[in-house]
mmCIF file of all heavy atoms, coordinates in Angstrom:
data_MODEL
# 
_entry.id   MODEL 
# 
loop_
_atom_site.group_PDB 
_atom_site.id 
_atom_site.type_symbol 
_atom_site.label_atom_id 
_atom_site.label_alt_id 
_atom_site.label_comp_id 
_atom_site.label_asym_id 
_atom_site.label_entity_id 
_atom_site.label_seq_id 
_atom_site.pdbx_PDB_ins_code 
_atom_site.Cartn_x 
_atom_site.Cartn_y 
_atom_site.Cartn_z 
_atom_site.occupancy 
_atom_site.B_iso_or_equiv 
_atom_site.pdbx_formal_charge 
_atom_site.auth_seq_id 
_atom_site.auth_comp_id 
_atom_site.auth_asym_id 
_atom_site.auth_atom_id 
_atom_site.pdbx_PDB_model_num 
ATOM 1   N N   . LEU A 1 1  ? -18.002 8.136  -12.516 1.00 0.00 ? 1  LEU A N   1 
ATOM 2   C CA  . LEU A 1 1  ? -18.417 9.048  -13.607 1.00 0.00 ? 1  LEU A CA  1 
ATOM 3   C C   . LEU A 1 1  ? -19.799 8.693  -14.092 1.00 0.00 ? 1  LEU A C   1 
ATOM 4   O O   . LEU A 1 1  ? -20.127 7.503  -14.237 1.00 0.00 ? 1  LEU A O   1 
ATOM 5   C CB  . LEU A 1 1  ? -17.438 8.930  -14.790 1.00 0.00 ? 1  LEU A CB  1 
ATOM 6   C CG  . LEU A 1 1  ? -15.966 9.257  -14.452 1.00 0.00 ? 1  LEU A CG  1 
ATOM 7   C CD1 . LEU A 1 1  ? -15.061 8.850  -15.576 1.00 0.00 ? 1  LEU A CD1 1 
ATOM 8   C CD2 . LEU A 1 1  ? -15.804 10.714 -14.122 1.00 0.00 ? 1  LEU A CD2 1 
ATOM 9   N N   . ASP A 1 2  ? -20.602 9.732  -14.374 1.00 0.00 ? 2  ASP A N   1 
ATOM 10  C CA  . ASP A 1 2  ? -21.926 9.483  -14.944 1.00 0.00 ? 2  ASP A CA  1 
ATOM 11  C C   . ASP A 1 2  ? -21.854 9.350  -16.433 1.00 0.00 ? 2  ASP A C   1 
ATOM 12  O O   . ASP A 1 2  ? -20.763 9.307  -17.019 1.00 0.00 ? 2  ASP A O   1 
ATOM 13  C CB  . ASP A 1 2  ? -22.893 10.585 -14.478 1.00 0.00 ? 2  ASP A CB  1 
ATOM 14  C CG  . ASP A 1 2  ? -22.602 11.961 -15.098 1.00 0.00 ? 2  ASP A CG  1 
ATOM 15  O OD1 . ASP A 1 2  ? -21.787 12.046 -16.047 1.00 0.00 ? 2  ASP A OD1 1 
ATOM 16  O OD2 . ASP A 1 2  ? -23.193 12.928 -14.630 1.00 0.00 ? 2  ASP A OD2 1 
ATOM 17  N N   . ALA A 1 3  ? -22.997 9.241  -17.075 1.00 0.00 ? 3  ALA A N   1 
ATOM 18  C CA  . ALA A 1 3  ? -23.061 9.000  -18.549 1.00 0.00 ? 3  ALA A CA  1 
ATOM 19  C C   . ALA A 1 3  ? -22.453 10.153 -19.330 1.00 0.00 ? 3  ALA A C   1 
ATOM 20  O O   . ALA A 1 3  ? -22.115 9.998  -20.502 1.00 0.00 ? 3  ALA A O   1 
ATOM 21  C CB  . ALA A 1 3  ? -24.495 8.762  -18.967 1.00 0.00 ? 3  ALA A CB  1 
ATOM 22  N N   . ASP A 1 4  ? -22.331 11.333 -18.722 1.00 0.00 ? 4  ASP A N   1 
ATOM 23  C CA  . ASP A 1 4  ? -21.736 12.494 -19.383 1.00 0.00 ? 4  ASP A CA  1 
ATOM 24  C C   . ASP A 1 4  ? -20.277 12.719 -18.946 1.00 0.00 ? 4  ASP A C   1 
ATOM 25  O O   . ASP A 1 4  ? -19.727 13.804 -19.188 1.00 0.00 ? 4  ASP A O   1 
ATOM 26  C CB  . ASP A 1 4  ? -22.568 13.758 -19.080 1.00 0.00 ? 4  ASP A CB  1 
ATOM 27  C CG  . ASP A 1 4  ? -23.974 13.664 -19.634 1.00 0.00 ? 4  ASP A CG  1 
ATOM 28  O OD1 . ASP A 1 4  ? -24.156 13.160 -20.759 1.00 0.00 ? 4  ASP A OD1 1 
ATOM 29  O OD2 . ASP A 1 4  ? -24.922 14.060 -18.927 1.00 0.00 ? 4  ASP A OD2 1 
ATOM 30  N N   . ASP A 1 5  ? -19.691 11.715 -18.334 1.00 0.00 ? 5  ASP A N   1 
ATOM 31  C CA  . ASP A 1 5  ? -18.317 11.787 -17.846 1.00 0.00 ? 5  ASP A CA  1 
ATOM 32  C C   . ASP A 1 5  ? -18.102 12.811 -16.778 1.00 0.00 ? 5  ASP A C   1 
ATOM 33  O O   . ASP A 1 5  ? -17.000 13.304 -16.556 1.00 0.00 ? 5  ASP A O   1 
ATOM 34  C CB  . ASP A 1 5  ? -17.321 11.996 -19.000 1.00 0.00 ? 5  ASP A CB  1 
ATOM 35  C CG  . ASP A 1 5  ? -17.340 10.834 -19.979 1.00 0.00 ? 5  ASP A CG  1 
ATOM 36  O OD1 . ASP A 1 5  ? -17.901 9.771  -19.675 1.00 0.00 ? 5  ASP A OD1 1 
ATOM 37  O OD2 . ASP A 1 5  ? -16.800 11.030 -21.088 1.00 0.00 ? 5  ASP A OD2 1 
ATOM 38  N N   . LYS A 1 6  ? -19.133 13.171 -16.041 1.00 0.00 ? 6  LYS A N   1 
ATOM 39  C CA  . LYS A 1 6  ? -19.025 14.098 -14.918 1.00 0.00 ? 6  LYS A CA  1 
ATOM 40  C C   . LYS A 1 6  ? -18.770 13.284 -13.663 1.00 0.00 ? 6  LYS A C   1 
ATOM 41  O O   . LYS A 1 6  ? -19.345 12.230 -13.442 1.00 0.00 ? 6  LYS A O   1 
ATOM 42  C CB  . LYS A 1 6  ? -20.332 14.909 -14.751 1.00 0.00 ? 6  LYS A CB  1 
ATOM 43  C CG  . LYS A 1 6  ? -20.725 15.689 -15.965 1.00 0.00 ? 6  LYS A CG  1 
ATOM 44  C CD  . LYS A 1 6  ? -19.795 16.865 -16.179 1.00 0.00 ? 6  LYS A CD  1 
ATOM 45  C CE  . LYS A 1 6  ? -20.260 17.718 -17.336 1.00 0.00 ? 6  LYS A CE  1 
ATOM 46  N NZ  . LYS A 1 6  ? -19.312 17.827 -18.405 1.00 0.00 ? 6  LYS A NZ  1 
ATOM 47  N N   . ILE A 1 7  ? -17.914 13.837 -12.803 1.00 0.00 ? 7  ILE A N   1 
ATOM 48  C CA  . ILE A 1 7  ? -17.601 13.158 -11.560 1.00 0.00 ? 7  ILE A CA  1 
ATOM 49  C C   . ILE A 1 7  ? -18.753 13.310 -10.564 1.00 0.00 ? 7  ILE A C   1 
ATOM 50  O O   . ILE A 1 7  ? -19.188 14.393 -10.270 1.00 0.00 ? 7  ILE A O   1 
ATOM 51  C CB  . ILE A 1 7  ? -16.309 13.760 -10.948 1.00 0.00 ? 7  ILE A CB  1 
ATOM 52  C CG1 . ILE A 1 7  ? -15.114 13.515 -11.868 1.00 0.00 ? 7  ILE A CG1 1 
ATOM 53  C CG2 . ILE A 1 7  ? -16.025 13.152 -9.548  1.00 0.00 ? 7  ILE A CG2 1 
ATOM 54  C CD1 . ILE A 1 7  ? -13.858 14.202 -11.472 1.00 0.00 ? 7  ILE A CD1 1 
ATOM 55  N N   . VAL A 1 8  ? -19.223 12.180 -10.046 1.00 0.00 ? 8  VAL A N   1 
ATOM 56  C CA  . VAL A 1 8  ? -20.269 12.214 -9.028  1.00 0.00 ? 8  VAL A CA  1 
ATOM 57  C C   . VAL A 1 8  ? -19.740 11.761 -7.672  1.00 0.00 ? 8  VAL A C   1 
ATOM 58  O O   . VAL A 1 8  ? -20.383 11.953 -6.665  1.00 0.00 ? 8  VAL A O   1 
ATOM 59  C CB  . VAL A 1 8  ? -21.502 11.388 -9.440  1.00 0.00 ? 8  VAL A CB  1 
ATOM 60  C CG1 . VAL A 1 8  ? -22.179 11.972 -10.666 1.00 0.00 ? 8  VAL A CG1 1 
ATOM 61  C CG2 . VAL A 1 8  ? -21.156 9.927  -9.679  1.00 0.00 ? 8  VAL A CG2 1 
ATOM 62  N N   . TRP A 1 9  ? -18.541 11.157 -7.678  1.00 0.00 ? 9  TRP A N   1 
ATOM 63  C CA  . TRP A 1 9  ? -17.889 10.781 -6.441  1.00 0.00 ? 9  TRP A CA  1 
ATOM 64  C C   . TRP A 1 9  ? -16.382 10.604 -6.775  1.00 0.00 ? 9  TRP A C   1 
ATOM 65  O O   . TRP A 1 9  ? -16.012 10.217 -7.879  1.00 0.00 ? 9  TRP A O   1 
ATOM 66  C CB  . TRP A 1 9  ? -18.416 9.448  -5.884  1.00 0.00 ? 9  TRP A CB  1 
ATOM 67  C CG  . TRP A 1 9  ? -17.641 8.882  -4.752  1.00 0.00 ? 9  TRP A CG  1 
ATOM 68  C CD1 . TRP A 1 9  ? -17.780 9.252  -3.437  1.00 0.00 ? 9  TRP A CD1 1 
ATOM 69  C CD2 . TRP A 1 9  ? -16.625 7.914  -4.787  1.00 0.00 ? 9  TRP A CD2 1 
ATOM 70  N NE1 . TRP A 1 9  ? -16.886 8.552  -2.653  1.00 0.00 ? 9  TRP A NE1 1 
ATOM 71  C CE2 . TRP A 1 9  ? -16.163 7.713  -3.460  1.00 0.00 ? 9  TRP A CE2 1 
ATOM 72  C CE3 . TRP A 1 9  ? -16.003 7.185  -5.807  1.00 0.00 ? 9  TRP A CE3 1 
ATOM 73  C CZ2 . TRP A 1 9  ? -15.158 6.806  -3.101  1.00 0.00 ? 9  TRP A CZ2 1 
ATOM 74  C CZ3 . TRP A 1 9  ? -15.008 6.295  -5.460  1.00 0.00 ? 9  TRP A CZ3 1 
ATOM 75  C CH2 . TRP A 1 9  ? -14.583 6.106  -4.145  1.00 0.00 ? 9  TRP A CH2 1 
ATOM 76  N N   . SER A 1 10 ? -15.561 10.952 -5.829  1.00 0.00 ? 10 SER A N   1 
ATOM 77  C CA  . SER A 1 10 ? -14.117 10.738 -5.988  1.00 0.00 ? 10 SER A CA  1 
ATOM 78  C C   . SER A 1 10 ? -13.456 10.524 -4.656  1.00 0.00 ? 10 SER A C   1 
ATOM 79  O O   . SER A 1 10 ? -13.995 10.903 -3.609  1.00 0.00 ? 10 SER A O   1 
ATOM 80  C CB  . SER A 1 10 ? -13.472 11.932 -6.718  1.00 0.00 ? 10 SER A CB  1 
ATOM 81  O OG  . SER A 1 10 ? -13.494 13.072 -5.938  1.00 0.00 ? 10 SER A OG  1 
ATOM 82  N N   . LEU A 1 11 ? -12.327 9.886  -4.722  1.00 0.00 ? 11 LEU A N   1 
ATOM 83  C CA  . LEU A 1 11 ? -11.472 9.695  -3.551  1.00 0.00 ? 11 LEU A CA  1 
ATOM 84  C C   . LEU A 1 11 ? -10.053 9.975  -4.007  1.00 0.00 ? 11 LEU A C   1 
ATOM 85  O O   . LEU A 1 11 ? -9.541  9.330  -4.920  1.00 0.00 ? 11 LEU A O   1 
ATOM 86  C CB  . LEU A 1 11 ? -11.560 8.268  -3.037  1.00 0.00 ? 11 LEU A CB  1 
ATOM 87  C CG  . LEU A 1 11 ? -10.629 7.925  -1.849  1.00 0.00 ? 11 LEU A CG  1 
ATOM 88  C CD1 . LEU A 1 11 ? -10.961 8.796  -0.613  1.00 0.00 ? 11 LEU A CD1 1 
ATOM 89  C CD2 . LEU A 1 11 ? -10.713 6.462  -1.502  1.00 0.00 ? 11 LEU A CD2 1 
ATOM 90  N N   . THR A 1 12 ? -9.430  10.994 -3.423  1.00 0.00 ? 12 THR A N   1 
ATOM 91  C CA  . THR A 1 12 ? -8.071  11.374 -3.785  1.00 0.00 ? 12 THR A CA  1 
ATOM 92  C C   . THR A 1 12 ? -7.176  11.232 -2.542  1.00 0.00 ? 12 THR A C   1 
ATOM 93  O O   . THR A 1 12 ? -7.673  11.082 -1.430  1.00 0.00 ? 12 THR A O   1 
ATOM 94  C CB  . THR A 1 12 ? -8.009  12.864 -4.218  1.00 0.00 ? 12 THR A CB  1 
ATOM 95  O OG1 . THR A 1 12 ? -8.246  13.712 -3.054  1.00 0.00 ? 12 THR A OG1 1 
ATOM 96  C CG2 . THR A 1 12 ? -9.034  13.148 -5.327  1.00 0.00 ? 12 THR A CG2 1 
ATOM 97  N N   . PRO A 1 13 ? -5.865  11.211 -2.736  1.00 0.00 ? 13 PRO A N   1 
ATOM 98  C CA  . PRO A 1 13 ? -4.962  11.125 -1.568  1.00 0.00 ? 13 PRO A CA  1 
ATOM 99  C C   . PRO A 1 13 ? -5.187  12.240 -0.557  1.00 0.00 ? 13 PRO A C   1 
ATOM 100 O O   . PRO A 1 13 ? -5.014  12.042 0.632   1.00 0.00 ? 13 PRO A O   1 
ATOM 101 C CB  . PRO A 1 13 ? -3.571  11.240 -2.200  1.00 0.00 ? 13 PRO A CB  1 
ATOM 102 C CG  . PRO A 1 13 ? -3.738  10.752 -3.595  1.00 0.00 ? 13 PRO A CG  1 
ATOM 103 C CD  . PRO A 1 13 ? -5.130  11.206 -3.992  1.00 0.00 ? 13 PRO A CD  1 
ATOM 104 N N   . GLN A 1 14 ? -5.634  13.396 -1.027  1.00 0.00 ? 14 GLN A N   1 
ATOM 105 C CA  . GLN A 1 14 ? -5.869  14.523 -0.129  1.00 0.00 ? 14 GLN A CA  1 
ATOM 106 C C   . GLN A 1 14 ? -7.143  14.304 0.731   1.00 0.00 ? 14 GLN A C   1 
ATOM 107 O O   . GLN A 1 14 ? -7.250  14.832 1.801   1.00 0.00 ? 14 GLN A O   1 
ATOM 108 C CB  . GLN A 1 14 ? -6.021  15.833 -0.913  1.00 0.00 ? 14 GLN A CB  1 
ATOM 109 C CG  . GLN A 1 14 ? -4.766  16.256 -1.655  1.00 0.00 ? 14 GLN A CG  1 
ATOM 110 C CD  . GLN A 1 14 ? -4.476  15.468 -2.909  1.00 0.00 ? 14 GLN A CD  1 
ATOM 111 O OE1 . GLN A 1 14 ? -5.373  14.907 -3.513  1.00 0.00 ? 14 GLN A OE1 1 
ATOM 112 N NE2 . GLN A 1 14 ? -3.197  15.352 -3.270  1.00 0.00 ? 14 GLN A NE2 1 
ATOM 113 N N   . ASP A 1 15 ? -8.097  13.514 0.247   1.00 0.00 ? 15 ASP A N   1 
ATOM 114 C CA  . ASP A 1 15 ? -9.301  13.221 1.005   1.00 0.00 ? 15 ASP A CA  1 
ATOM 115 C C   . ASP A 1 15 ? -9.020  12.439 2.269   1.00 0.00 ? 15 ASP A C   1 
ATOM 116 O O   . ASP A 1 15 ? -9.636  12.673 3.294   1.00 0.00 ? 15 ASP A O   1 
ATOM 117 C CB  . ASP A 1 15 ? -10.320 12.482 0.151   1.00 0.00 ? 15 ASP A CB  1 
ATOM 118 C CG  . ASP A 1 15 ? -10.846 13.291 -1.036  1.00 0.00 ? 15 ASP A CG  1 
ATOM 119 O OD1 . ASP A 1 15 ? -10.953 14.526 -0.875  1.00 0.00 ? 15 ASP A OD1 1 
ATOM 120 O OD2 . ASP A 1 15 ? -11.139 12.667 -2.051  1.00 0.00 ? 15 ASP A OD2 1 
ATOM 121 N N   . LEU A 1 16 ? -8.132  11.460 2.154   1.00 0.00 ? 16 LEU A N   1 
ATOM 122 C CA  . LEU A 1 16 ? -7.786  10.594 3.295   1.00 0.00 ? 16 LEU A CA  1 
ATOM 123 C C   . LEU A 1 16 ? -6.286  10.392 3.354   1.00 0.00 ? 16 LEU A C   1 
ATOM 124 O O   . LEU A 1 16 ? -5.772  9.286  2.977   1.00 0.00 ? 16 LEU A O   1 
ATOM 125 C CB  . LEU A 1 16 ? -8.518  9.246  3.170   1.00 0.00 ? 16 LEU A CB  1 
ATOM 126 C CG  . LEU A 1 16 ? -10.041 9.310  3.335   1.00 0.00 ? 16 LEU A CG  1 
ATOM 127 C CD1 . LEU A 1 16 ? -10.682 7.993  2.944   1.00 0.00 ? 16 LEU A CD1 1 
ATOM 128 C CD2 . LEU A 1 16 ? -10.421 9.675  4.758   1.00 0.00 ? 16 LEU A CD2 1 
ATOM 129 N N   . PRO A 1 17 ? -5.517  11.388 3.782   1.00 0.00 ? 17 PRO A N   1 
ATOM 130 C CA  . PRO A 1 17 ? -4.042  11.256 3.789   1.00 0.00 ? 17 PRO A CA  1 
ATOM 131 C C   . PRO A 1 17 ? -3.542  10.076 4.607   1.00 0.00 ? 17 PRO A C   1 
ATOM 132 O O   . PRO A 1 17 ? -2.467  9.530  4.299   1.00 0.00 ? 17 PRO A O   1 
ATOM 133 C CB  . PRO A 1 17 ? -3.569  12.580 4.365   1.00 0.00 ? 17 PRO A CB  1 
ATOM 134 C CG  . PRO A 1 17 ? -4.751  13.389 4.710   1.00 0.00 ? 17 PRO A CG  1 
ATOM 135 C CD  . PRO A 1 17 ? -5.996  12.647 4.263   1.00 0.00 ? 17 PRO A CD  1 
ATOM 136 N N   . GLU A 1 18 ? -4.272  9.667  5.620   1.00 0.00 ? 18 GLU A N   1 
ATOM 137 C CA  . GLU A 1 18 ? -3.819  8.533  6.462   1.00 0.00 ? 18 GLU A CA  1 
ATOM 138 C C   . GLU A 1 18 ? -3.687  7.232  5.688   1.00 0.00 ? 18 GLU A C   1 
ATOM 139 O O   . GLU A 1 18 ? -2.931  6.344  6.115   1.00 0.00 ? 18 GLU A O   1 
ATOM 140 C CB  . GLU A 1 18 ? -4.767  8.353  7.644   1.00 0.00 ? 18 GLU A CB  1 
ATOM 141 C CG  . GLU A 1 18 ? -6.116  7.777  7.264   1.00 0.00 ? 18 GLU A CG  1 
ATOM 142 C CD  . GLU A 1 18 ? -7.077  7.720  8.429   1.00 0.00 ? 18 GLU A CD  1 
ATOM 143 O OE1 . GLU A 1 18 ? -7.772  8.731  8.668   1.00 0.00 ? 18 GLU A OE1 1 
ATOM 144 O OE2 . GLU A 1 18 ? -7.141  6.688  9.067   1.00 0.00 ? 18 GLU A OE2 1 
ATOM 145 N N   . LEU A 1 19 ? -4.332  7.113  4.522   1.00 0.00 ? 19 LEU A N   1 
ATOM 146 C CA  . LEU A 1 19 ? -4.240  5.904  3.699   1.00 0.00 ? 19 LEU A CA  1 
ATOM 147 C C   . LEU A 1 19 ? -2.912  5.860  2.994   1.00 0.00 ? 19 LEU A C   1 
ATOM 148 O O   . LEU A 1 19 ? -2.465  4.786  2.529   1.00 0.00 ? 19 LEU A O   1 
ATOM 149 C CB  . LEU A 1 19 ? -5.377  5.792  2.740   1.00 0.00 ? 19 LEU A CB  1 
ATOM 150 C CG  . LEU A 1 19 ? -6.776  5.577  3.310   1.00 0.00 ? 19 LEU A CG  1 
ATOM 151 C CD1 . LEU A 1 19 ? -7.831  5.623  2.243   1.00 0.00 ? 19 LEU A CD1 1 
ATOM 152 C CD2 . LEU A 1 19 ? -6.827  4.280  4.107   1.00 0.00 ? 19 LEU A CD2 1 
ATOM 153 N N   . ASN A 1 20 ? -2.266  7.017  2.807   1.00 0.00 ? 20 ASN A N   1 
ATOM 154 C CA  . ASN A 1 20 ? -0.992  7.071  2.064   1.00 0.00 ? 20 ASN A CA  1 
ATOM 155 C C   . ASN A 1 20 ? -1.111  6.375  0.691   1.00 0.00 ? 20 ASN A C   1 
ATOM 156 O O   . ASN A 1 20 ? -0.362  5.496  0.364   1.00 0.00 ? 20 ASN A O   1 
ATOM 157 C CB  . ASN A 1 20 ? 0.128   6.481  2.889   1.00 0.00 ? 20 ASN A CB  1 
ATOM 158 C CG  . ASN A 1 20 ? 1.507   6.797  2.325   1.00 0.00 ? 20 ASN A CG  1 
ATOM 159 O OD1 . ASN A 1 20 ? 1.679   7.802  1.654   1.00 0.00 ? 20 ASN A OD1 1 
ATOM 160 N ND2 . ASN A 1 20 ? 2.462   5.933  2.609   1.00 0.00 ? 20 ASN A ND2 1 
ATOM 161 N N   . LEU A 1 21 ? -2.133  6.803  -0.075  1.00 0.00 ? 21 LEU A N   1 
ATOM 162 C CA  . LEU A 1 21 ? -2.402  6.188  -1.367  1.00 0.00 ? 21 LEU A CA  1 
ATOM 163 C C   . LEU A 1 21 ? -1.217  6.421  -2.323  1.00 0.00 ? 21 LEU A C   1 
ATOM 164 O O   . LEU A 1 21 ? -0.758  7.548  -2.531  1.00 0.00 ? 21 LEU A O   1 
ATOM 165 C CB  . LEU A 1 21 ? -3.663  6.783  -2.013  1.00 0.00 ? 21 LEU A CB  1 
ATOM 166 C CG  . LEU A 1 21 ? -4.964  6.469  -1.280  1.00 0.00 ? 21 LEU A CG  1 
ATOM 167 C CD1 . LEU A 1 21 ? -6.131  7.247  -1.908  1.00 0.00 ? 21 LEU A CD1 1 
ATOM 168 C CD2 . LEU A 1 21 ? -5.251  4.982  -1.276  1.00 0.00 ? 21 LEU A CD2 1 
ATOM 169 N N   . LYS A 1 22 ? -0.772  5.333  -2.954  1.00 0.00 ? 22 LYS A N   1 
ATOM 170 C CA  . LYS A 1 22 ? 0.347   5.387  -3.913  1.00 0.00 ? 22 LYS A CA  1 
ATOM 171 C C   . LYS A 1 22 ? -0.077  4.945  -5.297  1.00 0.00 ? 22 LYS A C   1 
ATOM 172 O O   . LYS A 1 22 ? 0.494   5.375  -6.318  1.00 0.00 ? 22 LYS A O   1 
ATOM 173 C CB  . LYS A 1 22 ? 1.499   4.511  -3.439  1.00 0.00 ? 22 LYS A CB  1 
ATOM 174 C CG  . LYS A 1 22 ? 2.092   4.895  -2.145  1.00 0.00 ? 22 LYS A CG  1 
ATOM 175 C CD  . LYS A 1 22 ? 2.793   6.212  -2.219  1.00 0.00 ? 22 LYS A CD  1 
ATOM 176 C CE  . LYS A 1 22 ? 3.414   6.566  -0.886  1.00 0.00 ? 22 LYS A CE  1 
ATOM 177 N NZ  . LYS A 1 22 ? 3.746   7.960  -0.768  1.00 0.00 ? 22 LYS A NZ  1 
ATOM 178 N N   . TYR A 1 23 ? -1.020  4.011  -5.374  1.00 0.00 ? 23 TYR A N   1 
ATOM 179 C CA  . TYR A 1 23 ? -1.432  3.437  -6.673  1.00 0.00 ? 23 TYR A CA  1 
ATOM 180 C C   . TYR A 1 23 ? -2.851  2.933  -6.548  1.00 0.00 ? 23 TYR A C   1 
ATOM 181 O O   . TYR A 1 23 ? -3.114  1.922  -5.898  1.00 0.00 ? 23 TYR A O   1 
ATOM 182 C CB  . TYR A 1 23 ? -0.477  2.271  -7.035  1.00 0.00 ? 23 TYR A CB  1 
ATOM 183 C CG  . TYR A 1 23 ? -0.709  1.707  -8.385  1.00 0.00 ? 23 TYR A CG  1 
ATOM 184 C CD1 . TYR A 1 23 ? 0.173   1.992  -9.443  1.00 0.00 ? 23 TYR A CD1 1 
ATOM 185 C CD2 . TYR A 1 23 ? -1.767  0.832  -8.679  1.00 0.00 ? 23 TYR A CD2 1 
ATOM 186 C CE1 . TYR A 1 23 ? -0.020  1.425  -10.724 1.00 0.00 ? 23 TYR A CE1 1 
ATOM 187 C CE2 . TYR A 1 23 ? -1.958  0.299  -9.939  1.00 0.00 ? 23 TYR A CE2 1 
ATOM 188 C CZ  . TYR A 1 23 ? -1.093  0.564  -10.936 1.00 0.00 ? 23 TYR A CZ  1 
ATOM 189 O OH  . TYR A 1 23 ? -1.234  0.017  -12.174 1.00 0.00 ? 23 TYR A OH  1 
ATOM 190 N N   . ALA A 1 24 ? -3.790  3.633  -7.156  1.00 0.00 ? 24 ALA A N   1 
ATOM 191 C CA  . ALA A 1 24 ? -5.181  3.240  -7.117  1.00 0.00 ? 24 ALA A CA  1 
ATOM 192 C C   . ALA A 1 24 ? -5.416  2.139  -8.184  1.00 0.00 ? 24 ALA A C   1 
ATOM 193 O O   . ALA A 1 24 ? -5.165  2.322  -9.336  1.00 0.00 ? 24 ALA A O   1 
ATOM 194 C CB  . ALA A 1 24 ? -6.096  4.440  -7.408  1.00 0.00 ? 24 ALA A CB  1 
# 
């Protein structure tokens, strides 16, 4: 997040399903 709380990068479970993210 930048100084205005805008997302400048993200990683979600949908971005890399092979990781099988459960708890970031």
